[in-house]
N, C-alpha and C. Protein backbone atom coordinates (compact mmCIF):
# COMPACT_ATOMS: atom_id res chain seq x y z
N VAL A 1 -5.95 -19.15 48.34
CA VAL A 1 -5.09 -18.48 49.30
C VAL A 1 -4.88 -19.40 50.49
N GLU A 2 -3.67 -19.53 50.92
CA GLU A 2 -3.34 -20.28 52.12
C GLU A 2 -3.96 -19.56 53.32
N PRO A 3 -4.76 -20.24 54.14
CA PRO A 3 -5.44 -19.58 55.26
C PRO A 3 -4.51 -18.80 56.19
N SER A 4 -3.28 -19.23 56.37
CA SER A 4 -2.36 -18.51 57.24
C SER A 4 -1.99 -17.14 56.68
N GLN A 5 -2.25 -16.91 55.40
CA GLN A 5 -1.96 -15.63 54.76
C GLN A 5 -3.11 -14.62 54.90
N ILE A 6 -4.26 -15.05 55.41
CA ILE A 6 -5.42 -14.17 55.51
C ILE A 6 -5.24 -13.18 56.65
N GLU A 7 -5.36 -11.89 56.32
CA GLU A 7 -5.30 -10.83 57.33
C GLU A 7 -6.68 -10.49 57.88
N ARG A 8 -7.68 -10.49 56.98
CA ARG A 8 -9.03 -10.09 57.37
C ARG A 8 -10.04 -10.69 56.39
N ALA A 9 -11.22 -11.02 56.90
CA ALA A 9 -12.28 -11.54 56.04
C ALA A 9 -13.63 -11.00 56.50
N GLU A 10 -14.51 -10.78 55.53
CA GLU A 10 -15.87 -10.31 55.81
C GLU A 10 -16.86 -11.07 54.94
N LEU A 11 -18.02 -11.31 55.49
CA LEU A 11 -19.11 -11.93 54.76
C LEU A 11 -20.16 -10.85 54.50
N CYS A 12 -20.49 -10.65 53.23
CA CYS A 12 -21.51 -9.67 52.85
C CYS A 12 -22.66 -10.41 52.18
N VAL A 13 -23.88 -10.10 52.62
CA VAL A 13 -25.05 -10.77 52.06
C VAL A 13 -26.28 -9.89 52.27
N VAL A 14 -27.17 -9.91 51.28
CA VAL A 14 -28.47 -9.25 51.42
C VAL A 14 -29.52 -10.35 51.54
N THR A 15 -30.34 -10.24 52.57
CA THR A 15 -31.39 -11.22 52.80
C THR A 15 -32.74 -10.51 52.91
N TRP A 16 -33.78 -11.28 52.68
CA TRP A 16 -35.14 -10.83 52.93
C TRP A 16 -35.57 -11.56 54.18
N THR A 17 -36.01 -10.82 55.20
CA THR A 17 -36.24 -11.39 56.52
C THR A 17 -37.66 -11.92 56.69
N GLY A 18 -37.89 -13.08 56.15
CA GLY A 18 -39.19 -13.72 56.33
C GLY A 18 -39.25 -14.57 57.58
N GLY A 19 -38.12 -14.77 58.24
CA GLY A 19 -38.07 -15.54 59.48
C GLY A 19 -37.58 -16.96 59.28
N PRO A 20 -36.73 -17.45 60.19
CA PRO A 20 -36.19 -18.80 60.09
C PRO A 20 -37.08 -19.87 60.71
N GLY A 21 -38.20 -19.47 61.28
CA GLY A 21 -39.02 -20.45 62.00
C GLY A 21 -38.38 -20.77 63.33
N GLU A 22 -38.30 -22.05 63.66
CA GLU A 22 -37.73 -22.49 64.94
C GLU A 22 -36.24 -22.84 64.82
N VAL A 23 -35.65 -22.66 63.65
CA VAL A 23 -34.25 -23.01 63.44
C VAL A 23 -33.37 -21.96 64.12
N LYS A 24 -32.47 -22.41 65.02
CA LYS A 24 -31.62 -21.49 65.76
C LYS A 24 -30.45 -20.98 64.90
N ASP A 25 -29.66 -21.86 64.35
CA ASP A 25 -28.50 -21.48 63.53
C ASP A 25 -28.87 -21.59 62.06
N TYR A 26 -29.67 -20.66 61.58
CA TYR A 26 -30.27 -20.74 60.25
C TYR A 26 -29.32 -20.43 59.10
N PHE A 27 -28.25 -19.66 59.33
CA PHE A 27 -27.29 -19.34 58.27
C PHE A 27 -25.89 -19.56 58.80
N THR A 28 -25.17 -20.51 58.21
CA THR A 28 -23.84 -20.84 58.71
C THR A 28 -22.79 -20.81 57.61
N LEU A 29 -21.58 -20.49 58.01
CA LEU A 29 -20.39 -20.59 57.16
C LEU A 29 -19.47 -21.57 57.86
N ASN A 30 -19.22 -22.70 57.22
CA ASN A 30 -18.39 -23.77 57.81
C ASN A 30 -18.86 -24.12 59.22
N GLY A 31 -20.19 -24.14 59.41
CA GLY A 31 -20.77 -24.56 60.68
C GLY A 31 -20.95 -23.46 61.71
N LYS A 32 -20.43 -22.26 61.48
CA LYS A 32 -20.57 -21.16 62.43
C LYS A 32 -21.74 -20.27 62.01
N HIS A 33 -22.64 -19.97 62.95
CA HIS A 33 -23.82 -19.16 62.68
C HIS A 33 -23.46 -17.69 62.47
N PHE A 34 -24.09 -17.07 61.48
CA PHE A 34 -23.99 -15.64 61.22
C PHE A 34 -25.41 -15.08 61.17
N PRO A 35 -25.73 -14.07 61.98
CA PRO A 35 -27.08 -13.52 62.07
C PRO A 35 -27.38 -12.55 60.92
N VAL A 36 -27.69 -13.09 59.76
CA VAL A 36 -27.89 -12.24 58.58
C VAL A 36 -29.34 -11.89 58.32
N ALA A 37 -30.28 -12.49 59.01
CA ALA A 37 -31.70 -12.22 58.76
C ALA A 37 -32.52 -12.37 60.02
N ASP A 38 -32.02 -11.82 61.12
CA ASP A 38 -32.77 -11.92 62.37
C ASP A 38 -34.08 -11.16 62.26
N GLY A 39 -35.09 -11.67 62.89
CA GLY A 39 -36.40 -11.04 62.87
C GLY A 39 -37.25 -11.56 61.73
N SER A 40 -38.45 -11.01 61.61
CA SER A 40 -39.35 -11.44 60.54
C SER A 40 -40.16 -10.24 60.04
N LYS A 41 -39.45 -9.15 59.78
CA LYS A 41 -40.11 -7.91 59.37
C LYS A 41 -40.45 -7.87 57.88
N HIS A 42 -40.03 -8.88 57.14
CA HIS A 42 -40.31 -8.95 55.71
C HIS A 42 -39.72 -7.75 54.96
N ILE A 43 -38.43 -7.48 55.25
CA ILE A 43 -37.71 -6.39 54.58
C ILE A 43 -36.34 -6.90 54.15
N PRO A 44 -35.73 -6.28 53.13
CA PRO A 44 -34.36 -6.64 52.78
C PRO A 44 -33.38 -6.03 53.79
N VAL A 45 -32.35 -6.81 54.14
CA VAL A 45 -31.34 -6.37 55.11
C VAL A 45 -29.96 -6.67 54.54
N PHE A 46 -29.07 -5.66 54.54
CA PHE A 46 -27.68 -5.87 54.14
C PHE A 46 -26.85 -6.15 55.39
N SER A 47 -26.11 -7.24 55.36
CA SER A 47 -25.24 -7.60 56.48
C SER A 47 -23.80 -7.65 56.00
N ARG A 48 -22.92 -7.05 56.80
CA ARG A 48 -21.48 -7.09 56.54
C ARG A 48 -20.83 -7.50 57.87
N LEU A 49 -20.42 -8.77 57.93
CA LEU A 49 -19.97 -9.35 59.19
C LEU A 49 -18.52 -9.82 59.11
N VAL A 50 -17.79 -9.57 60.18
CA VAL A 50 -16.40 -10.01 60.27
C VAL A 50 -16.37 -11.53 60.40
N VAL A 51 -15.46 -12.15 59.66
CA VAL A 51 -15.24 -13.60 59.72
C VAL A 51 -13.84 -13.84 60.25
N GLU A 52 -13.74 -14.63 61.30
CA GLU A 52 -12.42 -14.97 61.82
C GLU A 52 -11.66 -15.78 60.76
N PRO A 53 -10.46 -15.35 60.37
CA PRO A 53 -9.71 -16.07 59.34
C PRO A 53 -9.53 -17.56 59.64
N SER A 54 -9.45 -17.92 60.91
CA SER A 54 -9.25 -19.33 61.27
C SER A 54 -10.46 -20.20 60.90
N LEU A 55 -11.61 -19.58 60.67
CA LEU A 55 -12.81 -20.32 60.27
C LEU A 55 -12.73 -20.80 58.82
N LEU A 56 -11.94 -20.10 58.02
CA LEU A 56 -11.86 -20.41 56.59
C LEU A 56 -10.84 -21.49 56.30
N LYS A 57 -11.11 -22.23 55.24
CA LYS A 57 -10.18 -23.28 54.82
C LYS A 57 -9.85 -23.11 53.34
N GLN A 58 -8.71 -23.62 52.98
CA GLN A 58 -8.31 -23.56 51.57
C GLN A 58 -9.22 -24.48 50.77
N GLY A 59 -9.67 -24.02 49.62
CA GLY A 59 -10.60 -24.80 48.82
C GLY A 59 -12.03 -24.37 49.10
N SER A 60 -12.93 -25.32 49.14
CA SER A 60 -14.35 -25.02 49.33
C SER A 60 -14.68 -24.69 50.78
N ASN A 61 -15.49 -23.65 50.95
CA ASN A 61 -16.06 -23.29 52.24
C ASN A 61 -17.58 -23.39 52.07
N THR A 62 -18.28 -23.89 53.07
CA THR A 62 -19.69 -24.22 52.93
C THR A 62 -20.60 -23.20 53.61
N LEU A 63 -21.52 -22.64 52.84
CA LEU A 63 -22.60 -21.80 53.36
C LEU A 63 -23.87 -22.63 53.39
N GLU A 64 -24.65 -22.50 54.48
CA GLU A 64 -25.89 -23.26 54.58
C GLU A 64 -26.99 -22.36 55.12
N LEU A 65 -28.15 -22.41 54.48
CA LEU A 65 -29.33 -21.67 54.91
C LEU A 65 -30.44 -22.66 55.22
N LEU A 66 -31.00 -22.56 56.43
CA LEU A 66 -32.06 -23.47 56.87
C LEU A 66 -33.28 -22.67 57.34
N SER A 67 -34.45 -23.21 57.11
CA SER A 67 -35.68 -22.61 57.61
C SER A 67 -36.73 -23.71 57.69
N ASP A 68 -37.54 -23.68 58.72
CA ASP A 68 -38.62 -24.66 58.83
C ASP A 68 -39.98 -23.97 58.80
N THR A 69 -40.03 -22.80 58.18
CA THR A 69 -41.30 -22.07 58.10
C THR A 69 -42.26 -22.79 57.17
N GLU A 70 -43.54 -22.63 57.46
CA GLU A 70 -44.57 -23.24 56.64
C GLU A 70 -44.77 -22.46 55.35
N HIS A 71 -44.55 -21.16 55.42
CA HIS A 71 -44.72 -20.29 54.25
C HIS A 71 -43.38 -19.68 53.88
N HIS A 72 -43.40 -18.48 53.42
CA HIS A 72 -42.20 -17.79 52.94
C HIS A 72 -41.24 -17.50 54.11
N GLY A 73 -40.01 -17.96 54.01
CA GLY A 73 -39.01 -17.76 55.07
C GLY A 73 -37.97 -16.74 54.68
N ILE A 74 -36.71 -17.11 54.78
CA ILE A 74 -35.59 -16.23 54.44
C ILE A 74 -35.24 -16.41 52.97
N GLU A 75 -34.91 -15.30 52.31
CA GLU A 75 -34.40 -15.35 50.94
C GLU A 75 -33.02 -14.73 50.91
N ILE A 76 -32.13 -15.32 50.12
CA ILE A 76 -30.84 -14.72 49.83
C ILE A 76 -31.01 -13.95 48.52
N ILE A 77 -30.74 -12.66 48.55
CA ILE A 77 -30.96 -11.81 47.38
C ILE A 77 -29.77 -11.91 46.43
N TYR A 78 -30.08 -11.97 45.14
CA TYR A 78 -29.08 -12.05 44.08
C TYR A 78 -28.12 -10.87 44.18
N PRO A 79 -26.84 -11.02 43.99
CA PRO A 79 -26.13 -12.16 43.45
C PRO A 79 -25.70 -13.19 44.48
N GLY A 80 -26.10 -13.02 45.72
CA GLY A 80 -25.78 -14.02 46.74
C GLY A 80 -24.67 -13.56 47.67
N PRO A 81 -24.29 -14.40 48.62
CA PRO A 81 -23.26 -14.02 49.58
C PRO A 81 -21.91 -13.80 48.90
N ALA A 82 -21.16 -12.86 49.46
CA ALA A 82 -19.79 -12.61 49.00
C ALA A 82 -18.86 -12.71 50.19
N LEU A 83 -17.79 -13.44 50.02
CA LEU A 83 -16.77 -13.55 51.05
C LEU A 83 -15.58 -12.72 50.58
N MET A 84 -15.31 -11.64 51.29
CA MET A 84 -14.19 -10.76 50.92
C MET A 84 -13.02 -11.08 51.83
N VAL A 85 -11.87 -11.32 51.19
CA VAL A 85 -10.69 -11.75 51.93
C VAL A 85 -9.52 -10.84 51.59
N ARG A 86 -8.86 -10.32 52.62
CA ARG A 86 -7.62 -9.56 52.45
C ARG A 86 -6.50 -10.46 52.92
N TYR A 87 -5.48 -10.60 52.09
CA TYR A 87 -4.38 -11.49 52.44
C TYR A 87 -3.04 -10.85 52.16
N LYS A 88 -2.01 -11.41 52.81
CA LYS A 88 -0.64 -10.93 52.66
C LYS A 88 -0.07 -11.46 51.37
N ASN A 89 0.63 -10.62 50.65
CA ASN A 89 1.37 -11.08 49.46
C ASN A 89 2.63 -11.78 49.93
N LYS A 90 2.97 -12.84 49.24
CA LYS A 90 4.22 -13.52 49.56
C LYS A 90 5.37 -12.65 49.04
N PRO A 91 6.45 -12.56 49.82
CA PRO A 91 7.60 -11.72 49.40
C PRO A 91 8.30 -12.29 48.18
């Protein structure tokens, strides 16, 4: 989809909150941080976050998860992140 055609986008992900350690921007989409596993309560959390369409690019978009914990940190629960995009149909 051509990015200019995107009306709305959301990032959906389930994480297990083991904590990111000292990493500030632990989960990013194209370099922008999304707080999908804040805290360290060791529970699964469902996050549904608005994504600014201008952040997305045609082709590959990069998700990155970082943690510097010594033990169990953050987990992304199967089937993994989903990027939902609503776009305009071309006339």
